[in-house]
PDB file of N, CA and C in Angstrom:
ATOM      1  N   MET A   1       0.773  -0.964  -0.479  1.00  0.00           N
ATOM      2  CA  MET A   1      -0.279  -0.111  -0.055  1.00  0.00           C
ATOM      3  C   MET A   1       0.661   1.259   0.087  1.00  0.00           C
ATOM      4  N   PHE A   2       0.004   2.226  -0.860  1.00  0.00           N
ATOM      5  CA  PHE A   2       1.050   3.730  -1.199  1.00  0.00           C
ATOM      6  C   PHE A   2       0.013   4.685   0.030  1.00  0.00           C
ATOM      7  N   ARG A   3       0.211   5.058   0.383  1.00  0.00           N
ATOM      8  CA  ARG A   3      -0.280   6.239   1.307  1.00  0.00           C
ATOM      9  C   ARG A   3       0.641   7.889   1.114  1.00  0.00           C
ATOM     10  N   ILE A   4      -0.707   8.757   0.696  1.00  0.00           N
ATOM     11  CA  ILE A   4       0.203   9.678   0.571  1.00  0.00           C
ATOM     12  C   ILE A   4      -0.252  11.232   1.543  1.00  0.00           C
ATOM     13  N   TRP A   5      -0.294  12.085   2.554  1.00  0.00           N
ATOM     14  CA  TRP A   5      -1.009  12.748   3.129  1.00  0.00           C
ATOM     15  C   TRP A   5      -1.097  14.154   2.494  1.00  0.00           C
ATOM     16  N   GLY A   6      -1.752  14.702   2.019  1.00  0.00           N
ATOM     17  CA  GLY A   6      -2.113  16.291   1.753  1.00  0.00           C
ATOM     18  C   GLY A   6      -2.696  16.860   2.793  1.00  0.00           C
ATOM     19  N   LYS A   7      -1.773  18.322   2.585  1.00  0.00           N
ATOM     20  CA  LYS A   7      -2.067  19.486   4.017  1.00  0.00           C
ATOM     21  C   LYS A   7      -2.442  20.375   3.654  1.00  0.00           C
ATOM     22  N   ILE A   8      -3.127  21.486   3.776  1.00  0.00           N
ATOM     23  CA  ILE A   8      -3.152  22.685   3.836  1.00  0.00           C
ATOM     24  C   ILE A   8      -3.095  23.894   4.611  1.00  0.00           C
ATOM     25  N   PHE A   9      -1.922  24.859   4.850  1.00  0.00           N
ATOM     26  CA  PHE A   9      -1.459  24.805   5.871  1.00  0.00           C
ATOM     27  C   PHE A   9      -1.907  26.859   5.610  1.00  0.00           C
ATOM     28  N   LYS A  10      -2.344  27.393   7.310  1.00  0.00           N
ATOM     29  CA  LYS A  10      -1.961  29.023   6.690  1.00  0.00           C
ATOM     30  C   LYS A  10      -2.144  29.238   7.941  1.00  0.00           C
ATOM     31  N   ASP A  11      -1.082  29.849   8.233  1.00  0.00           N
ATOM     32  CA  ASP A  11      -0.795  30.663   9.358  1.00  0.00           C
ATOM     33  C   ASP A  11      -0.306  29.589  10.801  1.00  0.00           C
ATOM     34  N   ASN A  12       0.408  28.776  10.420  1.00  0.00           N
ATOM     35  CA  ASN A  12       1.297  27.486  10.897  1.00  0.00           C
ATOM     36  C   ASN A  12      -0.514  26.874  11.523  1.00  0.00           C
ATOM     37  N   ARG A  13      -1.115  26.722  10.847  1.00  0.00           N
ATOM     38  CA  ARG A  13      -2.393  25.836  11.003  1.00  0.00           C
ATOM     39  C   ARG A  13      -2.662  25.382  10.409  1.00  0.00           C
ATOM     40  N   MET A  14      -3.267  23.781  10.097  1.00  0.00           N
ATOM     41  CA  MET A  14      -3.984  22.918   9.132  1.00  0.00           C
ATOM     42  C   MET A  14      -5.242  23.306   8.881  1.00  0.00           C
ATOM     43  N   LEU A  15      -5.317  23.598   8.045  1.00  0.00           N
ATOM     44  CA  LEU A  15      -7.055  24.232   7.400  1.00  0.00           C
ATOM     45  C   LEU A  15      -7.358  22.612   6.848  1.00  0.00           C
ATOM     46  N   GLN A  16      -6.904  21.934   6.058  1.00  0.00           N
ATOM     47  CA  GLN A  16      -7.560  20.689   5.410  1.00  0.00           C
ATOM     48  C   GLN A  16      -7.067  20.026   5.897  1.00  0.00           C
ATOM     49  N   ASP A  17      -7.184  18.841   5.070  1.00  0.00           N
ATOM     50  CA  ASP A  17      -5.751  17.751   5.165  1.00  0.00           C
ATOM     51  C   ASP A  17      -6.820  16.086   3.965  1.00  0.00           C
ATOM     52  N   THR A  18      -6.612  15.308   3.772  1.00  0.00           N
ATOM     53  CA  THR A  18      -6.870  13.767   3.382  1.00  0.00           C
ATOM     54  C   THR A  18      -5.790  13.133   3.138  1.00  0.00           C
ATOM     55  N   THR A  19      -5.868  11.794   3.094  1.00  0.00           N
ATOM     56  CA  THR A  19      -4.689  10.535   2.449  1.00  0.00           C
ATOM     57  C   THR A  19      -5.161  10.395   1.030  1.00  0.00           C
ATOM     58  N   ILE A  20      -4.589  10.052   0.340  1.00  0.00           N
ATOM     59  CA  ILE A  20      -4.689   9.237  -0.937  1.00  0.00           C
ATOM     60  C   ILE A  20      -4.393   8.139  -0.370  1.00  0.00           C
ATOM     61  N   CYS A  21      -4.688   7.022  -0.709  1.00  0.00           N
ATOM     62  CA  CYS A  21      -4.008   5.444  -1.376  1.00  0.00           C
ATOM     63  C   CYS A  21      -4.338   5.092  -2.176  1.00  0.00           C
ATOM     64  N   ASP A  22      -3.284   4.204  -2.827  1.00  0.00           N
ATOM     65  CA  ASP A  22      -2.805   2.986  -3.842  1.00  0.00           C
ATOM     66  C   ASP A  22      -2.356   2.587  -3.964  1.00  0.00           C
ATOM     67  N   GLU A  23      -3.031   1.278  -4.247  1.00  0.00           N
ATOM     68  CA  GLU A  23      -2.784  -0.011  -3.806  1.00  0.00           C
ATOM     69  C   GLU A  23      -2.345  -0.577  -6.084  1.00  0.00           C
ATOM     70  N   SER A  24      -2.036   0.706  -6.653  1.00  0.00           N
ATOM     71  CA  SER A  24      -1.842   0.192  -7.829  1.00  0.00           C
ATOM     72  C   SER A  24      -0.418  -0.809  -7.782  1.00  0.00           C
ATOM     73  N   GLU A  25      -0.107  -0.726  -9.062  1.00  0.00           N
ATOM     74  CA  GLU A  25       1.533  -1.877  -9.406  1.00  0.00           C
ATOM     75  C   GLU A  25       2.545  -0.724 -10.324  1.00  0.00           C
ATOM     76  N   ASP A  26       1.928   0.475  -9.928  1.00  0.00           N
ATOM     77  CA  ASP A  26       2.668   1.278 -10.956  1.00  0.00           C
ATOM     78  C   ASP A  26       3.728   1.768 -10.120  1.00  0.00           C
ATOM     79  N   THR A  27       4.773   2.796 -10.989  1.00  0.00           N
ATOM     80  CA  THR A  27       5.970   2.965 -10.301  1.00  0.00           C
ATOM     81  C   THR A  27       5.480   4.381  -9.228  1.00  0.00           C
ATOM     82  N   ARG A  28       6.806   4.856  -8.385  1.00  0.00           N
ATOM     83  CA  ARG A  28       6.494   5.302  -7.397  1.00  0.00           C
ATOM     84  C   ARG A  28       6.296   6.625  -7.741  1.00  0.00           C
ATOM     85  N   THR A  29       6.526   7.345  -9.120  1.00  0.00           N
ATOM     86  CA  THR A  29       6.951   8.714  -9.340  1.00  0.00           C
ATOM     87  C   THR A  29       5.407   8.647 -10.290  1.00  0.00           C
ATOM     88  N   HIS A  30       4.645   7.695 -11.009  1.00  0.00           N
ATOM     89  CA  HIS A  30       3.470   7.766 -11.217  1.00  0.00           C
ATOM     90  C   HIS A  30       2.494   7.848 -10.149  1.00  0.00           C
ATOM     91  N   LYS A  31       2.365   7.051  -8.887  1.00  0.00           N
ATOM     92  CA  LYS A  31       1.759   6.978  -7.366  1.00  0.00           C
ATOM     93  C   LYS A  31       1.653   8.588  -7.040  1.00  0.00           C
ATOM     94  N   VAL A  32       2.349   8.791  -7.006  1.00  0.00           N
ATOM     95  CA  VAL A  32       2.697  10.431  -6.495  1.00  0.00           C
ATOM     96  C   VAL A  32       2.096  11.549  -7.164  1.00  0.00           C
ATOM     97  N   PHE A  33       2.523  11.687  -8.314  1.00  0.00           N
ATOM     98  CA  PHE A  33       1.798  12.348  -9.394  1.00  0.00           C
ATOM     99  C   PHE A  33       0.364  12.434  -9.477  1.00  0.00           C
ATOM    100  N   ARG A  34      -0.317  10.749  -9.221  1.00  0.00           N
ATOM    101  CA  ARG A  34      -1.640  10.295  -9.295  1.00  0.00           C
ATOM    102  C   ARG A  34      -2.552  10.899  -8.038  1.00  0.00           C
ATOM    103  N   ALA A  35      -1.553  10.880  -6.782  1.00  0.00           N
ATOM    104  CA  ALA A  35      -1.868  11.242  -5.565  1.00  0.00           C
ATOM    105  C   ALA A  35      -2.073  12.713  -5.091  1.00  0.00           C
ATOM    106  N   LEU A  36      -0.751  13.496  -6.545  1.00  0.00           N
ATOM    107  CA  LEU A  36      -1.245  15.044  -6.546  1.00  0.00           C
ATOM    108  C   LEU A  36      -2.717  15.462  -6.439  1.00  0.00           C
ATOM    109  N   GLU A  37      -2.619  14.942  -7.954  1.00  0.00           N
ATOM    110  CA  GLU A  37      -4.137  14.891  -8.616  1.00  0.00           C
ATOM    111  C   GLU A  37      -5.126  14.744  -7.440  1.00  0.00           C
ATOM    112  N   GLU A  38      -5.322  13.687  -6.901  1.00  0.00           N
ATOM    113  CA  GLU A  38      -6.312  13.727  -6.688  1.00  0.00           C
ATOM    114  C   GLU A  38      -6.956  14.682  -5.339  1.00  0.00           C
ATOM    115  N   ILE A  39      -5.820  15.242  -4.484  1.00  0.00           N
ATOM    116  CA  ILE A  39      -5.477  15.887  -3.694  1.00  0.00           C
ATOM    117  C   ILE A  39      -5.765  17.431  -4.310  1.00  0.00           C
ATOM    118  N   CYS A  40      -5.192  17.609  -5.581  1.00  0.00           N
ATOM    119  CA  CYS A  40      -5.780  19.021  -6.099  1.00  0.00           C
ATOM    120  C   CYS A  40      -7.292  18.945  -6.309  1.00  0.00           C
ATOM    121  N   TYR A  41      -7.992  18.183  -6.723  1.00  0.00           N
ATOM    122  CA  TYR A  41      -9.259  17.659  -7.081  1.00  0.00           C
ATOM    123  C   TYR A  41      -9.939  17.849  -5.744  1.00  0.00           C
ATOM    124  N   GLU A  42      -9.977  17.793  -4.922  1.00  0.00           N
ATOM    125  CA  GLU A  42     -10.408  17.218  -3.377  1.00  0.00           C
ATOM    126  C   GLU A  42     -10.478  18.649  -2.852  1.00  0.00           C
ATOM    127  N   PHE A  43      -9.146  19.896  -2.984  1.00  0.00           N
ATOM    128  CA  PHE A  43      -8.731  20.691  -2.377  1.00  0.00           C
ATOM    129  C   PHE A  43      -9.477  22.036  -3.282  1.00  0.00           C
ATOM    130  N   ASP A  44      -9.833  21.402  -4.537  1.00  0.00           N
ATOM    131  CA  ASP A  44     -10.349  22.485  -5.844  1.00  0.00           C
ATOM    132  C   ASP A  44      -9.737  23.201  -5.798  1.00  0.00           C
ATOM    133  N   LEU A  45      -8.194  22.962  -6.235  1.00  0.00           N
ATOM    134  CA  LEU A  45      -6.727  23.509  -6.426  1.00  0.00           C
ATOM    135  C   LEU A  45      -6.255  23.163  -7.824  1.00  0.00           C
ATOM    136  N   GLY A  46      -5.549  24.251  -8.277  1.00  0.00           N
ATOM    137  CA  GLY A  46      -4.963  23.869  -9.606  1.00  0.00           C
ATOM    138  C   GLY A  46      -3.816  22.850  -9.740  1.00  0.00           C
ATOM    139  N   LYS A  47      -3.145  22.302 -10.411  1.00  0.00           N
ATOM    140  CA  LYS A  47      -1.899  21.429  -9.689  1.00  0.00           C
ATOM    141  C   LYS A  47      -0.552  22.211  -9.881  1.00  0.00           C
ATOM    142  N   PRO A  48      -0.212  21.666  -8.522  1.00  0.00           N
ATOM    143  CA  PRO A  48       1.179  23.070  -9.371  1.00  0.00           C
ATOM    144  C   PRO A  48       2.332  22.579  -9.873  1.00  0.00           C
ATOM    145  N   ILE A  49       3.180  23.251  -9.968  1.00  0.00           N
ATOM    146  CA  ILE A  49       4.197  23.179 -10.529  1.00  0.00           C
ATOM    147  C   ILE A  49       5.795  22.272  -9.649  1.00  0.00           C
ATOM    148  N   TRP A  50       6.252  21.531  -9.640  1.00  0.00           N
ATOM    149  CA  TRP A  50       7.386  20.605  -9.429  1.00  0.00           C
ATOM    150  C   TRP A  50       8.263  21.603  -9.333  1.00  0.00           C
ATOM    151  N   LEU A  51       9.256  22.169  -8.870  1.00  0.00           N
ATOM    152  CA  LEU A  51      10.267  23.685  -8.847  1.00  0.00           C
ATOM    153  C   LEU A  51      11.065  22.378  -8.508  1.00  0.00           C
ATOM    154  N   GLU A  52      12.531  22.765  -8.145  1.00  0.00           N
ATOM    155  CA  GLU A  52      13.822  22.124  -8.750  1.00  0.00           C
ATOM    156  C   GLU A  52      13.771  21.759  -7.207  1.00  0.00           C
ATOM    157  N   ASN A  53      13.871  23.035  -6.406  1.00  0.00           N
ATOM    158  CA  ASN A  53      13.767  23.105  -4.972  1.00  0.00           C
ATOM    159  C   ASN A  53      12.844  21.878  -3.920  1.00  0.00           C
ATOM    160  N   THR A  54      11.517  22.048  -5.130  1.00  0.00           N
ATOM    161  CA  THR A  54      10.520  21.081  -4.400  1.00  0.00           C
ATOM    162  C   THR A  54      10.762  19.518  -4.573  1.00  0.00           C
ATOM    163  N   ILE A  55      11.405  18.975  -6.141  1.00  0.00           N
ATOM    164  CA  ILE A  55      12.331  17.758  -5.914  1.00  0.00           C
ATOM    165  C   ILE A  55      13.099  17.482  -4.718  1.00  0.00           C
ATOM    166  N   ALA A  56      14.099  18.126  -4.965  1.00  0.00           N
ATOM    167  CA  ALA A  56      15.350  18.294  -4.216  1.00  0.00           C
ATOM    168  C   ALA A  56      14.594  17.968  -2.669  1.00  0.00           C
ATOM    169  N   GLU A  57      13.699  18.608  -2.224  1.00  0.00           N
ATOM    170  CA  GLU A  57      12.844  18.423  -0.993  1.00  0.00           C
ATOM    171  C   GLU A  57      12.322  16.974  -0.776  1.00  0.00           C
ATOM    172  N   PHE A  58      11.642  16.484  -1.931  1.00  0.00           N
ATOM    173  CA  PHE A  58      10.544  15.296  -1.553  1.00  0.00           C
ATOM    174  C   PHE A  58      11.724  13.937  -1.755  1.00  0.00           C
ATOM    175  N   LYS A  59      12.682  13.802  -2.582  1.00  0.00           N
ATOM    176  CA  LYS A  59      13.707  13.286  -3.230  1.00  0.00           C
ATOM    177  C   LYS A  59      14.419  12.896  -1.298  1.00  0.00           C
ATOM    178  N   ARG A  60      14.809  13.972  -0.861  1.00  0.00           N
ATOM    179  CA  ARG A  60      15.559  13.982   0.508  1.00  0.00           C
ATOM    180  C   ARG A  60      14.383  13.541   1.703  1.00  0.00           C
ATOM    181  N   HIS A  61      13.219  13.946   1.775  1.00  0.00           N
ATOM    182  CA  HIS A  61      12.218  14.253   3.028  1.00  0.00           C
ATOM    183  C   HIS A  61      11.476  12.822   2.508  1.00  0.00           C
ATOM    184  N   ALA A  62      10.842  12.465   1.329  1.00  0.00           N
ATOM    185  CA  ALA A  62       9.475  11.938   1.078  1.00  0.00           C
ATOM    186  C   ALA A  62       8.416  13.132   1.104  1.00  0.00           C
ATOM    187  N   LYS A  63       9.342  14.188   1.564  1.00  0.00           N
ATOM    188  CA  LYS A  63       7.977  15.180   1.839  1.00  0.00           C
ATOM    189  C   LYS A  63       8.220  16.908   1.242  1.00  0.00           C
ATOM    190  N   ALA A  64       6.698  17.092   0.665  1.00  0.00           N
ATOM    191  CA  ALA A  64       7.269  18.087  -0.476  1.00  0.00           C
ATOM    192  C   ALA A  64       6.458  19.722  -0.176  1.00  0.00           C
ATOM    193  N   ARG A  65       6.591  20.837   0.033  1.00  0.00           N
ATOM    194  CA  ARG A  65       5.875  22.054   0.296  1.00  0.00           C
ATOM    195  C   ARG A  65       5.595  23.395  -0.928  1.00  0.00           C
ATOM    196  N   PHE A  66       4.227  22.939  -1.598  1.00  0.00           N
ATOM    197  CA  PHE A  66       4.247  23.880  -3.017  1.00  0.00           C
ATOM    198  C   PHE A  66       4.054  25.369  -2.396  1.00  0.00           C
ATOM    199  N   TYR A  67       4.822  26.365  -2.693  1.00  0.00           N
ATOM    200  CA  TYR A  67       3.983  27.814  -2.181  1.00  0.00           C
ATOM    201  C   TYR A  67       3.417  28.070  -3.233  1.00  0.00           C
ATOM    202  N   GLN A  68       3.326  29.876  -2.872  1.00  0.00           N
ATOM    203  CA  GLN A  68       2.826  30.474  -3.946  1.00  0.00           C
ATOM    204  C   GLN A  68       3.332  30.615  -5.733  1.00  0.00           C
ATOM    205  N   ASP A  69       4.720  30.607  -5.518  1.00  0.00           N
ATOM    206  CA  ASP A  69       5.653  29.872  -6.371  1.00  0.00           C
ATOM    207  C   ASP A  69       5.385  28.870  -7.567  1.00  0.00           C
ATOM    208  N   ASN A  70       4.490  27.852  -6.583  1.00  0.00           N
ATOM    209  CA  ASN A  70       5.009  26.929  -7.240  1.00  0.00           C
ATOM    210  C   ASN A  70       2.716  27.015  -8.171  1.00  0.00           C
ATOM    211  N   PHE A  71       1.983  27.374  -7.907  1.00  0.00           N
ATOM    212  CA  PHE A  71       1.174  27.958  -8.822  1.00  0.00           C
ATOM    213  C   PHE A  71       0.845  29.048  -9.129  1.00  0.00           C
ATOM    214  N   VAL A  72       0.448  28.381 -10.440  1.00  0.00           N
ATOM    215  CA  VAL A  72      -0.246  30.042 -11.301  1.00  0.00           C
ATOM    216  C   VAL A  72      -1.425  30.825 -10.923  1.00  0.00           C
ATOM    217  N   GLU A  73      -2.091  30.397 -10.475  1.00  0.00           N
ATOM    218  CA  GLU A  73      -3.231  31.274 -10.124  1.00  0.00           C
ATOM    219  C   GLU A  73      -2.755  31.232  -8.420  1.00  0.00           C
ATOM    220  N   GLN A  74      -3.412  32.043  -8.024  1.00  0.00           N
ATOM    221  CA  GLN A  74      -3.358  32.741  -6.925  1.00  0.00           C
ATOM    222  C   GLN A  74      -4.547  31.965  -5.203  1.00  0.00           C
ATOM    223  N   ILE A  75      -3.347  31.769  -3.892  1.00  0.00           N
ATOM    224  CA  ILE A  75      -3.339  30.817  -3.364  1.00  0.00           C
ATOM    225  C   ILE A  75      -3.884  31.249  -2.101  1.00  0.00           C
ATOM    226  N   GLU A  76      -4.661  30.960  -1.273  1.00  0.00           N
ATOM    227  CA  GLU A  76      -5.311  31.177  -0.129  1.00  0.00           C
ATOM    228  C   GLU A  76      -5.019  31.061   1.136  1.00  0.00           C
ATOM    229  N   PHE A  77      -3.724  30.362   0.862  1.00  0.00           N
ATOM    230  CA  PHE A  77      -3.190  29.747   2.035  1.00  0.00           C
ATOM    231  C   PHE A  77      -1.497  30.092   1.827  1.00  0.00           C
ATOM    232  N   ASP A  78      -1.194  29.666   2.912  1.00  0.00           N
ATOM    233  CA  ASP A  78       0.296  29.462   3.172  1.00  0.00           C
ATOM    234  C   ASP A  78       1.206  28.438   1.488  1.00  0.00           C
ATOM    235  N   TYR A  79       1.045  27.256   2.138  1.00  0.00           N
ATOM    236  CA  TYR A  79       1.681  25.870   1.395  1.00  0.00           C
ATOM    237  C   TYR A  79       0.699  25.042   1.643  1.00  0.00           C
ATOM    238  N   LEU A  80       0.895  24.015   0.616  1.00  0.00           N
ATOM    239  CA  LEU A  80       0.568  22.569  -0.135  1.00  0.00           C
ATOM    240  C   LEU A  80       1.399  21.487   0.604  1.00  0.00           C
ATOM    241  N   GLU A  81       1.120  21.141   1.239  1.00  0.00           N
ATOM    242  CA  GLU A  81       2.344  19.614   2.313  1.00  0.00           C
ATOM    243  C   GLU A  81       1.638  18.247   1.712  1.00  0.00           C
ATOM    244  N   LEU A  82       2.868  17.742   0.915  1.00  0.00           N
ATOM    245  CA  LEU A  82       2.905  16.266   0.443  1.00  0.00           C
ATOM    246  C   LEU A  82       3.903  15.625   1.460  1.00  0.00           C
ATOM    247  N   GLN A  83       3.302  14.179   1.782  1.00  0.00           N
ATOM    248  CA  GLN A  83       3.937  13.663   2.571  1.00  0.00           C
ATOM    249  C   GLN A  83       3.726  12.260   3.072  1.00  0.00           C
ATOM    250  N   VAL A  84       4.583  11.364   1.988  1.00  0.00           N
ATOM    251  CA  VAL A  84       4.894   9.864   1.933  1.00  0.00           C
ATOM    252  C   VAL A  84       4.605   9.323   3.294  1.00  0.00           C
ATOM    253  N   ILE A  85       3.310   8.347   3.926  1.00  0.00           N
ATOM    254  CA  ILE A  85       3.447   8.246   4.608  1.00  0.00           C
ATOM    255  C   ILE A  85       3.226   6.757   5.107  1.00  0.00           C
ATOM    256  N   GLU A  86       3.094   6.243   4.030  1.00  0.00           N
ATOM    257  CA  GLU A  86       3.352   4.423   3.789  1.00  0.00           C
ATOM    258  C   GLU A  86       3.788   4.617   2.936  1.00  0.00           C
ATOM    259  N   GLU A  87       4.865   3.147   2.645  1.00  0.00           N
ATOM    260  CA  GLU A  87       5.499   2.628   0.647  1.00  0.00           C
ATOM    261  C   GLU A  87       5.198   1.405   0.907  1.00  0.00           C
ATOM    262  N   ASP A  88       5.183   0.739  -0.323  1.00  0.00           N
ATOM    263  CA  ASP A  88       5.138  -0.637  -0.130  1.00  0.00           C
ATOM    264  C   ASP A  88       6.582  -1.310  -0.041  1.00  0.00           C
TER     265      ASP A  88
END
């Protein structure tokens, strides 16, 4: 089982969160992208752009934060955080 926890923060408080579970036999990268897509759909957000520092942070810690710089449209929160909480 592969699970990702998506959270929206504003002023150091979590406003929304969701967990996406994926039991497919797909690659880890595909699972992450699919989970991000589902999280953005659930939170009614446009998909963020993976910047170099976001990719590096995710590779290092299995956690990434998407700030205003990652989004094309204006966001009403400080950041969206993805965290891998379980891997096969």
